[in-house]
Amino acid sequence: MELKLQKRLAAQILKCSPKRVSFDTESLQDIKEAITKIDISSLINDNVIKRKPVKGVSRVRARKIREQKSKGRRRGFGSRKGKKTATLSRKSAWINKIRAQRKLLVELKDKKEISKSIYQKLYLQSKGGFFRSRRHITIYITEHNLGKK
């Protein structure tokens, strides 16, 4: 049974694609006899011709991924794109590093583990980027016997 015309007319009336038009299988003979828009619209009112609902894209997976990211998951090396400095800028990394180093030097000076002159020397070295990390400072102090006994 060829119902292309009816499907096209119904799609025009329902303002949707012909793919979304569905016919009631029990009353196909009535649909076949309907050849005008008025006939089709009366069948639509009788719920013989219906519009299928729009299929949406499910957001379940997207919500789950977002929830995991909020917990700090999915941040490994395999998920990263771009340069090392794309997530944390060079300047921010430097600020974090130098603040930690200066905090360590102040703690050592306050505990009187290093003298004021050594503190000044180490402070300037850290400012110049000599030390890689806090650990590097402690190793340097022990190797060069700069700490007080």
C-alpha atoms as a PDB file:
ATOM      1  CA  MET A   1       0.000   0.000   0.000  1.00  0.00           C
ATOM      2  CA  GLU A   2       1.518   3.267  -1.182  1.00  0.00           C
ATOM      3  CA  LEU A   3       0.923   6.058   1.356  1.00  0.00           C
ATOM      4  CA  LYS A   4       3.697   8.515   0.396  1.00  0.00           C
ATOM      5  CA  LEU A   5       1.282  11.336  -0.467  1.00  0.00           C
ATOM      6  CA  GLN A   6      -0.614  10.934   2.795  1.00  0.00           C
ATOM      7  CA  LYS A   7       2.616  10.880   4.778  1.00  0.00           C
ATOM      8  CA  ARG A   8       3.855  14.041   3.063  1.00  0.00           C
ATOM      9  CA  LEU A   9       0.588  15.897   3.617  1.00  0.00           C
ATOM     10  CA  ALA A  10       0.452  14.793   7.257  1.00  0.00           C
ATOM     11  CA  ALA A  11       4.033  15.994   7.734  1.00  0.00           C
ATOM     12  CA  GLN A  12       3.107  19.406   6.316  1.00  0.00           C
ATOM     13  CA  ILE A  13       0.117  19.690   8.649  1.00  0.00           C
ATOM     14  CA  LEU A  14       2.005  18.433  11.719  1.00  0.00           C
ATOM     15  CA  LYS A  15       5.016  20.632  10.804  1.00  0.00           C
ATOM     16  CA  CYS A  16       7.548  17.810  11.087  1.00  0.00           C
ATOM     17  CA  SER A  17       9.488  15.375   8.937  1.00  0.00           C
ATOM     18  CA  PRO A  18       7.673  12.540   7.144  1.00  0.00           C
ATOM     19  CA  LYS A  19       9.876  10.168   9.179  1.00  0.00           C
ATOM     20  CA  ARG A  20       8.086  11.314  12.339  1.00  0.00           C
ATOM     21  CA  VAL A  21       4.564  10.630  11.003  1.00  0.00           C
ATOM     22  CA  SER A  22       3.044   7.346  12.189  1.00  0.00           C
ATOM     23  CA  PHE A  23      -0.139   5.717  10.957  1.00  0.00           C
ATOM     24  CA  ASP A  24      -2.517   3.523  12.942  1.00  0.00           C
ATOM     25  CA  THR A  25      -2.170   0.069  11.355  1.00  0.00           C
ATOM     26  CA  GLU A  26      -5.848  -0.840  11.877  1.00  0.00           C
ATOM     27  CA  SER A  27      -7.173   2.072   9.830  1.00  0.00           C
ATOM     28  CA  LEU A  28      -4.802   2.057   6.847  1.00  0.00           C
ATOM     29  CA  GLN A  29      -7.769   1.790   4.430  1.00  0.00           C
ATOM     30  CA  ASP A  30      -9.196   5.109   5.745  1.00  0.00           C
ATOM     31  CA  ILE A  31      -5.796   6.753   5.387  1.00  0.00           C
ATOM     32  CA  LYS A  32      -5.465   5.474   1.803  1.00  0.00           C
ATOM     33  CA  GLU A  33      -8.799   7.069   0.878  1.00  0.00           C
ATOM     34  CA  ALA A  34      -7.756  10.456   2.366  1.00  0.00           C
ATOM     35  CA  ILE A  35      -6.217  12.465  -0.470  1.00  0.00           C
ATOM     36  CA  THR A  36      -6.707  16.076   0.641  1.00  0.00           C
ATOM     37  CA  LYS A  37      -5.246  18.065   3.521  1.00  0.00           C
ATOM     38  CA  ILE A  38      -8.691  18.392   5.072  1.00  0.00           C
ATOM     39  CA  ASP A  39      -9.120  14.598   5.072  1.00  0.00           C
ATOM     40  CA  ILE A  40      -5.687  14.135   6.621  1.00  0.00           C
ATOM     41  CA  SER A  41      -6.280  16.806   9.308  1.00  0.00           C
ATOM     42  CA  SER A  42      -9.542  15.110  10.309  1.00  0.00           C
ATOM     43  CA  LEU A  43      -7.646  11.816  10.695  1.00  0.00           C
ATOM     44  CA  ILE A  44      -5.062  13.645  12.820  1.00  0.00           C
ATOM     45  CA  ASN A  45      -7.885  14.925  15.060  1.00  0.00           C
ATOM     46  CA  ASP A  46      -9.194  11.328  15.367  1.00  0.00           C
ATOM     47  CA  ASN A  47      -5.666  10.189  16.465  1.00  0.00           C
ATOM     48  CA  VAL A  48      -5.363   7.862  13.468  1.00  0.00           C
ATOM     49  CA  ILE A  49      -2.306   9.787  12.285  1.00  0.00           C
ATOM     50  CA  LYS A  50       0.164  10.790  15.009  1.00  0.00           C
ATOM     51  CA  ARG A  51       3.478  12.556  15.329  1.00  0.00           C
ATOM     52  CA  LYS A  52       6.301  10.494  16.867  1.00  0.00           C
ATOM     53  CA  PRO A  53       8.195  12.231  19.694  1.00  0.00           C
ATOM     54  CA  VAL A  54      11.601  13.775  18.977  1.00  0.00           C
ATOM     55  CA  LYS A  55      14.503  11.575  19.985  1.00  0.00           C
ATOM     56  CA  GLY A  56      16.970  13.529  22.096  1.00  0.00           C
ATOM     57  CA  VAL A  57      20.589  12.745  22.889  1.00  0.00           C
ATOM     58  CA  SER A  58      20.912  11.265  26.347  1.00  0.00           C
ATOM     59  CA  ARG A  59      22.898  13.385  28.841  1.00  0.00           C
ATOM     60  CA  VAL A  60      23.399  10.531  31.336  1.00  0.00           C
ATOM     61  CA  ARG A  61      26.972   9.780  30.255  1.00  0.00           C
ATOM     62  CA  ALA A  62      27.863  13.480  30.109  1.00  0.00           C
ATOM     63  CA  ARG A  63      26.529  14.047  33.648  1.00  0.00           C
ATOM     64  CA  LYS A  64      28.454  11.040  34.959  1.00  0.00           C
ATOM     65  CA  ILE A  65      31.714  12.285  33.400  1.00  0.00           C
ATOM     66  CA  ARG A  66      31.148  15.796  34.803  1.00  0.00           C
ATOM     67  CA  GLU A  67      30.537  14.334  38.265  1.00  0.00           C
ATOM     68  CA  GLN A  68      33.759  12.305  38.060  1.00  0.00           C
ATOM     69  CA  LYS A  69      35.720  15.383  36.937  1.00  0.00           C
ATOM     70  CA  SER A  70      34.356  17.347  39.908  1.00  0.00           C
ATOM     71  CA  LYS A  71      35.840  14.633  42.153  1.00  0.00           C
ATOM     72  CA  GLY A  72      39.200  15.073  40.410  1.00  0.00           C
ATOM     73  CA  ARG A  73      39.081  11.954  38.221  1.00  0.00           C
ATOM     74  CA  ARG A  74      39.933  11.802  34.503  1.00  0.00           C
ATOM     75  CA  ARG A  75      42.838  14.222  34.849  1.00  0.00           C
ATOM     76  CA  GLY A  76      45.671  11.795  34.045  1.00  0.00           C
ATOM     77  CA  PHE A  77      48.286  12.136  31.315  1.00  0.00           C
ATOM     78  CA  GLY A  78      46.093  10.312  28.783  1.00  0.00           C
ATOM     79  CA  SER A  79      43.310  12.905  29.128  1.00  0.00           C
ATOM     80  CA  ARG A  80      45.516  15.964  28.718  1.00  0.00           C
ATOM     81  CA  LYS A  81      45.796  17.949  25.527  1.00  0.00           C
ATOM     82  CA  GLY A  82      48.147  20.785  24.771  1.00  0.00           C
ATOM     83  CA  LYS A  83      51.403  21.827  26.385  1.00  0.00           C
ATOM     84  CA  LYS A  84      52.446  21.309  29.981  1.00  0.00           C
ATOM     85  CA  THR A  85      51.781  25.007  30.559  1.00  0.00           C
ATOM     86  CA  ALA A  86      48.247  24.822  29.101  1.00  0.00           C
ATOM     87  CA  THR A  87      46.644  23.886  32.442  1.00  0.00           C
ATOM     88  CA  LEU A  88      49.026  25.780  34.735  1.00  0.00           C
ATOM     89  CA  SER A  89      50.867  28.760  33.269  1.00  0.00           C
ATOM     90  CA  ARG A  90      54.614  29.100  33.660  1.00  0.00           C
ATOM     91  CA  LYS A  91      54.164  32.156  35.850  1.00  0.00           C
ATOM     92  CA  SER A  92      51.661  30.450  38.187  1.00  0.00           C
ATOM     93  CA  ALA A  93      53.977  27.437  38.525  1.00  0.00           C
ATOM     94  CA  TRP A  94      56.855  29.779  39.378  1.00  0.00           C
ATOM     95  CA  ILE A  95      54.757  31.660  41.943  1.00  0.00           C
ATOM     96  CA  ASN A  96      53.748  28.415  43.662  1.00  0.00           C
ATOM     97  CA  LYS A  97      57.339  27.161  43.719  1.00  0.00           C
ATOM     98  CA  ILE A  98      58.971  30.379  44.966  1.00  0.00           C
ATOM     99  CA  ARG A  99      56.351  30.896  47.684  1.00  0.00           C
ATOM    100  CA  ALA A 100      56.941  27.385  49.008  1.00  0.00           C
ATOM    101  CA  GLN A 101      60.724  27.904  48.976  1.00  0.00           C
ATOM    102  CA  ARG A 102      60.512  31.282  50.721  1.00  0.00           C
ATOM    103  CA  LYS A 103      58.172  29.848  53.342  1.00  0.00           C
ATOM    104  CA  LEU A 104      60.711  27.085  54.049  1.00  0.00           C
ATOM    105  CA  LEU A 105      63.563  29.604  54.345  1.00  0.00           C
ATOM    106  CA  VAL A 106      61.550  31.740  56.789  1.00  0.00           C
ATOM    107  CA  GLU A 107      60.740  28.646  58.883  1.00  0.00           C
ATOM    108  CA  LEU A 108      64.422  27.648  58.995  1.00  0.00           C
ATOM    109  CA  LYS A 109      65.421  31.197  59.976  1.00  0.00           C
ATOM    110  CA  ASP A 110      62.745  31.400  62.706  1.00  0.00           C
ATOM    111  CA  LYS A 111      63.808  28.029  64.148  1.00  0.00           C
ATOM    112  CA  LYS A 112      67.389  29.366  64.073  1.00  0.00           C
ATOM    113  CA  GLU A 113      68.555  26.431  61.942  1.00  0.00           C
ATOM    114  CA  ILE A 114      70.233  28.882  59.543  1.00  0.00           C
ATOM    115  CA  SER A 115      71.762  32.273  60.259  1.00  0.00           C
ATOM    116  CA  LYS A 116      70.472  35.555  58.817  1.00  0.00           C
ATOM    117  CA  SER A 117      73.382  35.859  56.370  1.00  0.00           C
ATOM    118  CA  ILE A 118      72.883  32.320  55.069  1.00  0.00           C
ATOM    119  CA  TYR A 119      69.135  33.011  54.819  1.00  0.00           C
ATOM    120  CA  GLN A 120      69.834  36.073  52.651  1.00  0.00           C
ATOM    121  CA  LYS A 121      72.216  34.098  50.441  1.00  0.00           C
ATOM    122  CA  LEU A 122      69.726  31.223  49.978  1.00  0.00           C
ATOM    123  CA  TYR A 123      66.862  33.695  49.425  1.00  0.00           C
ATOM    124  CA  LEU A 124      68.711  35.329  46.535  1.00  0.00           C
ATOM    125  CA  GLN A 125      69.668  31.938  45.096  1.00  0.00           C
ATOM    126  CA  SER A 126      66.041  30.794  45.167  1.00  0.00           C
ATOM    127  CA  LYS A 127      65.004  34.099  43.598  1.00  0.00           C
ATOM    128  CA  GLY A 128      67.459  33.412  40.769  1.00  0.00           C
ATOM    129  CA  GLY A 129      65.899  29.983  40.149  1.00  0.00           C
ATOM    130  CA  PHE A 130      68.848  27.995  41.514  1.00  0.00           C
ATOM    131  CA  PHE A 131      66.702  25.582  43.546  1.00  0.00           C
ATOM    132  CA  ARG A 132      64.260  23.173  41.925  1.00  0.00           C
ATOM    133  CA  SER A 133      62.156  22.606  45.046  1.00  0.00           C
ATOM    134  CA  ARG A 134      62.038  22.757  48.860  1.00  0.00           C
ATOM    135  CA  ARG A 135      63.783  19.398  48.996  1.00  0.00           C
ATOM    136  CA  HIS A 136      66.588  20.742  46.848  1.00  0.00           C
ATOM    137  CA  ILE A 137      67.148  23.559  49.395  1.00  0.00           C
ATOM    138  CA  THR A 138      67.371  21.105  52.302  1.00  0.00           C
ATOM    139  CA  ILE A 139      69.797  18.884  50.369  1.00  0.00           C
ATOM    140  CA  TYR A 140      71.919  21.936  49.507  1.00  0.00           C
ATOM    141  CA  ILE A 141      72.006  23.032  53.175  1.00  0.00           C
ATOM    142  CA  THR A 142      73.103  19.574  54.400  1.00  0.00           C
ATOM    143  CA  GLU A 143      75.727  19.115  51.641  1.00  0.00           C
ATOM    144  CA  HIS A 144      77.324  22.506  52.255  1.00  0.00           C
ATOM    145  CA  ASN A 145      77.018  22.302  56.073  1.00  0.00           C
ATOM    146  CA  LEU A 146      75.110  25.588  56.257  1.00  0.00           C
ATOM    147  CA  GLY A 147      72.730  24.464  59.021  1.00  0.00           C
ATOM    148  CA  LYS A 148      73.516  24.962  62.701  1.00  0.00           C
ATOM    149  CA  LYS A 149      74.083  21.922  64.890  1.00  0.00           C
END
